Protein backbone atom coordinates (compact mmCIF):
# COMPACT_ATOMS: atom_id res chain seq x y z
CA MET A 1 12.42 -53.55 -34.37
CA ILE A 2 11.73 -50.36 -36.34
CA PRO A 3 14.42 -48.27 -34.60
CA THR A 4 17.09 -50.85 -35.53
CA ILE A 5 16.66 -50.27 -39.28
CA ARG A 6 18.85 -47.31 -40.18
CA ALA A 7 20.46 -47.99 -43.57
CA PRO A 8 19.01 -46.00 -46.50
CA GLY A 9 16.58 -48.03 -48.56
CA SER A 10 16.01 -50.62 -45.86
CA GLU A 11 12.75 -52.52 -46.04
CA PHE A 12 10.98 -55.03 -43.90
CA TYR A 13 7.92 -57.19 -44.45
CA ILE A 14 5.26 -58.12 -41.92
CA ALA A 15 2.82 -60.97 -42.56
CA PHE A 16 0.23 -61.72 -39.90
CA ASN A 17 -3.26 -62.94 -39.10
CA PRO A 18 -5.18 -60.17 -37.32
CA ASP A 19 -6.67 -60.96 -33.95
CA LEU A 20 -8.02 -58.02 -31.96
CA GLU A 21 -8.53 -54.54 -33.37
CA THR A 22 -6.62 -53.12 -30.41
CA ASP A 23 -3.45 -55.14 -31.13
CA PRO A 24 -0.44 -52.82 -31.69
CA THR A 25 0.57 -54.37 -35.04
CA TYR A 26 -2.94 -54.05 -36.44
CA GLN A 27 -3.24 -50.47 -35.20
CA LYS A 28 0.13 -49.38 -36.61
CA PHE A 29 0.05 -51.04 -40.02
CA VAL A 30 -3.67 -51.38 -40.82
CA VAL A 31 -5.66 -48.78 -38.90
CA SER A 32 -3.06 -45.96 -39.02
CA PRO A 33 -0.22 -47.06 -41.35
CA PRO A 34 2.85 -44.87 -41.89
CA ASP A 35 3.00 -42.83 -45.10
CA ASN A 36 5.72 -45.08 -46.54
CA CYS A 37 3.82 -48.31 -45.88
CA ILE A 38 1.72 -50.37 -48.25
CA THR A 39 -0.84 -52.52 -46.47
CA VAL A 40 -2.43 -55.33 -48.46
CA LYS A 41 -5.18 -57.67 -47.34
CA THR A 42 -5.23 -61.11 -48.93
CA THR A 43 -7.70 -63.95 -48.38
CA TRP A 44 -8.51 -67.35 -49.82
CA ARG A 45 -9.94 -65.60 -52.88
CA ASP A 46 -6.40 -64.63 -53.89
CA ASN A 47 -5.26 -68.26 -54.00
CA ALA A 48 -5.57 -69.53 -57.58
CA TYR A 49 -4.87 -73.04 -56.32
CA PHE A 50 -7.33 -73.05 -53.44
CA PRO A 51 -7.95 -76.79 -52.90
CA ALA A 52 -11.33 -78.48 -52.56
CA PRO A 53 -10.64 -79.85 -49.04
CA LEU A 54 -9.94 -76.34 -47.73
CA ARG A 55 -13.03 -75.00 -49.46
CA GLY A 56 -15.12 -77.65 -47.75
CA GLU A 57 -13.61 -76.72 -44.38
CA MET A 58 -14.25 -73.05 -45.04
CA GLU A 59 -17.88 -73.55 -46.10
CA TYR A 60 -18.53 -75.70 -43.07
CA LEU A 61 -17.24 -73.01 -40.71
CA GLN A 62 -19.34 -70.39 -42.45
CA ARG A 63 -22.38 -72.59 -41.99
CA VAL A 64 -21.87 -73.31 -38.29
CA ASP A 65 -20.14 -70.17 -36.97
CA GLU A 66 -20.26 -66.99 -39.04
CA ASP A 67 -18.16 -64.99 -36.58
CA ALA A 68 -15.35 -67.54 -36.67
CA PHE A 69 -15.58 -67.72 -40.48
CA GLN A 70 -15.13 -63.96 -40.80
CA HIS A 71 -12.09 -64.08 -38.53
CA VAL A 72 -10.38 -67.21 -39.87
CA TRP A 73 -11.14 -67.02 -43.60
CA GLU A 74 -11.95 -63.38 -44.29
CA GLY A 75 -9.13 -61.94 -42.20
CA LYS A 76 -11.34 -59.76 -40.03
CA VAL A 77 -10.55 -58.88 -36.46
CA ARG A 78 -12.52 -60.48 -33.67
CA THR A 79 -15.18 -57.91 -32.84
CA HIS A 80 -17.86 -60.09 -31.25
CA SER A 81 -17.43 -60.51 -27.53
CA ASP A 82 -18.34 -63.73 -25.78
CA ALA A 83 -20.63 -61.54 -23.70
CA GLN A 84 -23.03 -61.09 -26.62
CA VAL A 85 -26.23 -62.94 -25.78
CA PHE A 86 -27.20 -64.19 -29.24
CA ARG A 87 -23.74 -64.44 -30.75
CA GLY A 88 -23.80 -66.92 -33.62
CA LYS A 89 -27.39 -67.96 -32.91
CA PHE A 90 -29.43 -66.09 -35.52
CA THR A 91 -29.57 -65.08 -39.16
CA ALA A 92 -31.08 -61.87 -40.51
CA THR A 93 -30.70 -62.40 -44.26
CA GLU A 94 -33.19 -65.16 -44.99
CA HIS A 95 -36.57 -64.35 -46.54
CA PHE A 96 -39.29 -66.78 -45.52
CA THR A 97 -43.03 -67.33 -45.86
CA PRO A 98 -44.96 -68.82 -42.92
CA GLN A 99 -46.23 -72.30 -43.67
CA GLU A 100 -49.17 -74.40 -42.53
CA GLY A 101 -48.57 -75.74 -39.04
CA TRP A 102 -46.57 -72.74 -37.81
CA SER A 103 -47.80 -71.05 -34.61
CA TYR A 104 -47.82 -67.24 -34.52
CA PHE A 105 -47.36 -64.90 -31.55
CA TYR A 106 -47.55 -61.12 -31.08
CA GLY A 107 -45.72 -59.16 -28.40
CA ALA A 108 -45.45 -55.45 -27.56
CA ASP A 109 -43.11 -53.30 -25.50
CA TRP A 110 -44.01 -49.74 -24.53
CA GLY A 111 -41.68 -46.78 -24.90
CA PHE A 112 -40.58 -44.64 -21.98
CA ALA A 113 -39.10 -41.19 -22.73
CA LYS A 114 -36.57 -41.98 -25.49
CA ASP A 115 -37.23 -45.71 -25.52
CA PRO A 116 -39.10 -47.12 -28.52
CA THR A 117 -42.57 -48.60 -28.67
CA VAL A 118 -42.38 -51.98 -30.39
CA LEU A 119 -44.73 -54.64 -31.76
CA VAL A 120 -43.40 -57.89 -33.22
CA LYS A 121 -45.01 -60.83 -34.93
CA CYS A 122 -43.11 -64.09 -34.65
CA TRP A 123 -43.69 -67.75 -35.42
CA VAL A 124 -42.59 -71.00 -33.87
CA TYR A 125 -42.25 -74.17 -35.88
CA GLU A 126 -40.53 -77.24 -34.48
CA ARG A 127 -37.28 -75.88 -33.03
CA THR A 128 -37.08 -72.66 -35.03
CA LEU A 129 -38.15 -69.16 -34.02
CA TYR A 130 -39.07 -66.87 -36.92
CA VAL A 131 -39.46 -63.09 -36.55
CA GLU A 132 -41.57 -61.89 -39.46
CA HIS A 133 -42.71 -58.30 -38.76
CA GLU A 134 -41.84 -55.42 -36.48
CA ALA A 135 -43.32 -52.00 -35.80
CA TYR A 136 -40.82 -49.66 -34.15
CA GLY A 137 -41.18 -46.01 -33.20
CA VAL A 138 -39.47 -43.60 -30.82
CA GLY A 139 -41.48 -40.83 -29.18
CA VAL A 140 -44.80 -42.31 -30.30
CA ASP A 141 -47.71 -40.73 -28.42
CA ILE A 142 -50.22 -43.11 -26.91
CA ASP A 143 -52.95 -41.99 -29.33
CA ARG A 144 -50.68 -42.79 -32.31
CA THR A 145 -49.77 -46.27 -31.13
CA PRO A 146 -52.67 -48.03 -32.89
CA GLU A 147 -51.56 -46.45 -36.17
CA LEU A 148 -48.00 -47.67 -35.60
CA PHE A 149 -49.20 -51.19 -34.84
CA ASP A 150 -51.35 -51.26 -37.99
CA SER A 151 -48.13 -51.81 -39.98
CA VAL A 152 -47.99 -55.37 -38.62
CA PRO A 153 -50.41 -57.63 -40.53
CA GLY A 154 -53.17 -59.26 -38.52
CA ALA A 155 -52.40 -57.43 -35.30
CA ARG A 156 -55.90 -56.01 -34.75
CA ASN A 157 -57.42 -59.49 -34.67
CA ALA A 158 -54.69 -61.15 -32.62
CA THR A 159 -53.85 -61.67 -28.98
CA ILE A 160 -50.98 -59.32 -28.19
CA ARG A 161 -49.08 -60.01 -24.99
CA ALA A 162 -47.59 -56.74 -23.84
CA ASP A 163 -45.54 -55.11 -21.12
CA SER A 164 -47.78 -54.98 -18.05
CA SER A 165 -46.07 -51.90 -16.57
CA ARG A 166 -48.26 -49.48 -18.56
CA PRO A 167 -51.91 -50.34 -17.81
CA GLU A 168 -53.10 -47.04 -19.29
CA THR A 169 -51.51 -47.94 -22.64
CA LEU A 170 -53.00 -51.42 -22.53
CA SER A 171 -56.43 -49.91 -21.84
CA HIS A 172 -56.08 -47.41 -24.68
CA LEU A 173 -55.16 -50.12 -27.17
CA LYS A 174 -58.11 -52.25 -26.09
CA ARG A 175 -60.49 -49.33 -26.66
CA HIS A 176 -59.02 -48.39 -30.04
CA GLY A 177 -59.15 -51.46 -32.20
CA TYR A 178 -56.87 -53.85 -30.33
CA PRO A 179 -59.17 -55.77 -27.96
CA GLY A 180 -56.76 -58.71 -27.80
CA THR A 181 -54.05 -56.72 -26.02
CA THR A 182 -53.31 -58.42 -22.71
CA PRO A 183 -50.63 -57.95 -20.02
CA ALA A 184 -47.79 -60.47 -20.08
CA ALA A 185 -46.93 -62.19 -16.83
CA LYS A 186 -43.77 -61.14 -15.00
CA TRP A 187 -41.80 -62.81 -12.24
CA PRO A 188 -38.36 -62.35 -10.67
CA ASN A 189 -35.62 -62.80 -13.27
CA CYS A 190 -38.17 -63.17 -16.09
CA ALA A 191 -35.95 -61.30 -18.58
CA MET A 192 -33.13 -63.82 -18.12
CA ASP A 193 -35.59 -66.70 -18.27
CA GLY A 194 -36.94 -65.40 -21.57
CA VAL A 195 -33.46 -65.07 -23.03
CA ALA A 196 -32.63 -68.59 -21.85
CA PHE A 197 -35.69 -69.90 -23.68
CA MET A 198 -34.86 -68.07 -26.92
CA ARG A 199 -31.22 -69.18 -26.86
CA GLN A 200 -32.30 -72.80 -26.90
CA PHE A 201 -33.99 -72.65 -30.28
CA GLU A 202 -31.89 -74.49 -32.84
CA ASN A 203 -32.53 -71.67 -35.30
CA ILE A 204 -33.60 -68.05 -34.94
CA VAL A 205 -34.49 -66.52 -38.31
CA ILE A 206 -35.14 -62.77 -38.47
CA HIS A 207 -36.72 -61.48 -41.68
CA PRO A 208 -34.53 -58.85 -43.40
CA ARG A 209 -37.32 -56.29 -43.02
CA CYS A 210 -36.95 -56.47 -39.22
CA LYS A 211 -33.81 -54.37 -39.07
CA ARG A 212 -34.23 -53.14 -35.49
CA THR A 213 -34.77 -56.66 -34.20
CA ALA A 214 -31.63 -57.86 -35.99
CA GLU A 215 -29.65 -54.96 -34.55
CA GLU A 216 -30.72 -55.80 -31.01
CA PHE A 217 -29.87 -59.47 -31.47
CA ARG A 218 -26.36 -58.37 -32.48
CA LEU A 219 -25.92 -55.92 -29.60
CA LEU A 220 -27.69 -57.35 -26.56
CA ALA A 221 -25.01 -58.44 -24.10
CA PHE A 222 -24.37 -59.74 -20.63
CA LYS A 223 -22.67 -57.49 -18.13
CA VAL A 224 -18.88 -57.76 -17.90
CA ASN A 225 -16.76 -57.14 -14.82
CA LYS A 226 -14.62 -54.16 -15.85
CA LEU A 227 -11.73 -55.22 -13.62
CA THR A 228 -11.50 -58.92 -14.43
CA GLY A 229 -13.28 -59.17 -17.80
CA GLU A 230 -15.47 -61.92 -16.33
CA ILE A 231 -18.94 -62.28 -17.81
CA ILE A 232 -21.70 -61.69 -15.26
CA PRO A 233 -25.00 -63.59 -15.73
CA GLU A 234 -27.03 -60.38 -15.86
CA LEU A 235 -28.29 -58.54 -18.93
CA ALA A 236 -26.74 -55.17 -19.69
CA SER A 237 -29.25 -52.39 -20.23
CA GLY A 238 -30.16 -51.28 -23.73
CA HIS A 239 -30.73 -53.10 -27.02
CA ASP A 240 -33.60 -55.07 -25.55
CA HIS A 241 -36.90 -53.56 -26.71
CA CYS A 242 -37.60 -55.89 -29.65
CA VAL A 243 -36.15 -58.75 -27.61
CA ASP A 244 -38.54 -57.92 -24.77
CA ALA A 245 -41.46 -57.83 -27.19
CA ILE A 246 -40.54 -61.31 -28.43
CA ARG A 247 -40.20 -62.47 -24.84
CA TYR A 248 -43.69 -61.18 -24.03
CA ALA A 249 -45.07 -62.83 -27.18
CA LEU A 250 -43.66 -66.20 -26.08
CA GLU A 251 -44.59 -65.74 -22.42
CA MET A 252 -46.96 -68.72 -22.38
CA LEU A 253 -44.12 -70.98 -23.55
CA ILE A 254 -41.67 -69.76 -20.92
CA ARG A 255 -41.58 -70.67 -17.27
CA PRO A 256 -39.50 -69.22 -14.46
CA SER A 257 -35.89 -70.43 -14.47
CA GLY A 258 -36.20 -71.13 -18.18
CA GLN A 259 -38.33 -73.90 -19.61
CA GLY A 260 -36.12 -74.84 -22.51
CA ILE A 261 -37.34 -75.58 -26.00
CA PHE A 262 -36.94 -79.33 -25.50
CA ASP A 263 -39.30 -79.22 -22.52
CA TYR A 264 -41.77 -77.22 -24.58
CA TYR A 265 -41.88 -79.84 -27.32
CA ALA A 266 -42.00 -82.67 -24.82
CA LYS A 267 -45.09 -81.05 -23.35
CA ARG A 268 -46.63 -80.69 -26.80
CA THR A 269 -46.21 -84.38 -27.52
CA THR A 270 -47.54 -85.37 -24.09
CA ALA A 271 -50.17 -82.66 -23.72
CA PRO A 272 -52.47 -83.17 -20.71
CA LYS A 273 -56.09 -83.98 -21.41
CA PRO A 274 -58.85 -81.59 -20.33
CA ASP A 275 -60.35 -82.27 -16.92
CA ALA A 276 -64.02 -82.96 -16.20
CA ASN A 277 -64.79 -79.26 -16.57
CA GLY A 278 -63.05 -79.02 -19.95
CA ASN A 279 -60.05 -77.10 -18.56
CA THR A 280 -56.55 -77.89 -19.83
CA PRO A 281 -53.51 -77.07 -17.62
CA SER A 282 -51.45 -74.14 -18.85
CA PRO A 283 -48.20 -75.00 -20.67
CA ALA A 284 -46.50 -72.72 -18.13
CA ALA A 285 -47.83 -74.67 -15.14
CA ASP A 286 -44.66 -76.66 -14.47
CA ARG A 287 -42.01 -74.27 -13.20
CA THR A 288 -38.87 -76.29 -12.71
CA GLY A 289 -35.58 -76.46 -14.56
CA SER A 290 -32.59 -74.18 -14.67
CA PRO A 291 -30.50 -74.08 -17.86
CA SER A 292 -27.33 -72.01 -17.76
CA LEU A 293 -27.19 -68.79 -19.76
CA LEU A 294 -23.49 -68.12 -19.96
CA PRO A 295 -21.61 -68.72 -23.22
CA GLY A 296 -20.25 -72.24 -23.47
CA ALA A 297 -22.84 -73.61 -21.05
CA ASN A 298 -25.95 -73.71 -23.25
CA PRO A 299 -27.63 -77.08 -22.68
CA ALA A 300 -29.31 -77.14 -26.10
CA PRO A 301 -27.44 -77.94 -29.33
CA ILE A 302 -26.92 -74.90 -31.49
CA SER A 303 -27.02 -74.62 -35.26
CA PRO A 304 -25.37 -71.25 -36.00
CA HIS A 305 -26.43 -69.58 -39.17
CA ARG A 306 -25.15 -68.25 -42.44
CA PHE A 307 -24.89 -64.59 -43.20
CA VAL A 308 -24.04 -62.71 -46.39
CA SER A 309 -21.15 -60.29 -46.17
CA ASP A 310 -19.17 -58.15 -48.59
CA ARG A 311 -15.46 -58.20 -49.23
CA PRO A 312 -13.60 -54.92 -48.73
CA GLU A 313 -11.15 -54.43 -51.55
CA ALA A 314 -7.63 -53.10 -50.99
CA ASP A 315 -7.09 -49.59 -52.32
CA LEU A 316 -3.50 -49.02 -53.42
CA THR A 317 -4.16 -45.69 -55.17
CA GLY A 318 -1.56 -43.05 -54.48
CA LEU A 319 0.82 -45.24 -52.49
CA ALA A 320 4.57 -44.82 -52.84
CA PRO A 321 6.07 -47.09 -55.56
CA THR A 322 9.06 -48.02 -53.41
CA PRO A 323 7.88 -48.41 -49.85
CA ALA A 324 10.25 -48.82 -46.98
CA GLN A 325 7.67 -50.89 -45.13
CA ILE A 326 5.21 -53.42 -46.49
CA ALA A 327 2.64 -55.02 -44.22
CA ILE A 328 0.61 -57.96 -45.48
CA TYR A 329 -2.18 -59.37 -43.37
CA PHE A 330 -4.15 -62.35 -44.43
CA SER A 331 -6.41 -65.22 -43.50
CA ARG A 332 -6.26 -68.95 -43.99
CA GLY A 333 -6.34 -70.40 -47.47
CA ARG A 334 -4.04 -67.81 -49.04
CA LYS A 335 -1.52 -68.92 -51.65
């Protein structure tokens, strides 16, 4: 269209809802606009007559799907791939204080070369997983690990389920103030089983102080076929150290092929009685079930969470007073 406009002083206007950042229109008029172009972003906030029914619709979408809210109402491009494991399933802005009746768990993952050493403290209450504390360090020597872990309250007196691949680290921790450190069980496909279990919590709340954990929950993804774009039910490497630590912490609640949070609570309400010797069967004793991991196939109902985000303001400083091209991109609810 641009080459057809040849008369002096010609102007044209473009109004659009952005979709992908790679779209040609978004690239040309938003990412790298011509010198004689004014680009203005407008949202529902610019509508002086924004009606109550639309506000209710907007607030509902923000409550149940933050990613969709940012795209539909805030005019942002879609940046979250369906391959992201915890997309729309957690919040990292909510401060909380553990309450009576919550169950706490500690889990640790050991660093290799440039990988971090991690300790997390999390809580489970009803169908919500809370991540309260994290200790995170890259290049931490084995003799400095106890000092790193001391930043997590209560860790020295707790059972810490940890990566079993480093027995020398486990032994060192036991001999230096962490006698409750114990190897977490592993089995084929245990990483996927752990993720399946975590995805089935109705809520995952990460304390704002746990910045590394929140980052991993945003970035951990399934593999994607580069030729077809198809999501592969395998975890991509990276962004999984805090996630692994949480998985180890919850190991006794997880069973191979994914227990599912509903099964966990069913077992709690129908807990087996101790036998004649006073032994109670492990909650991980039953190892059946196979929930799907892929997006759109989660068997448990999801309650996506609310985030707090800023609003980038348009900067018109220094733009030409009589542009030949004006691009306006906006979201729903505009005037």
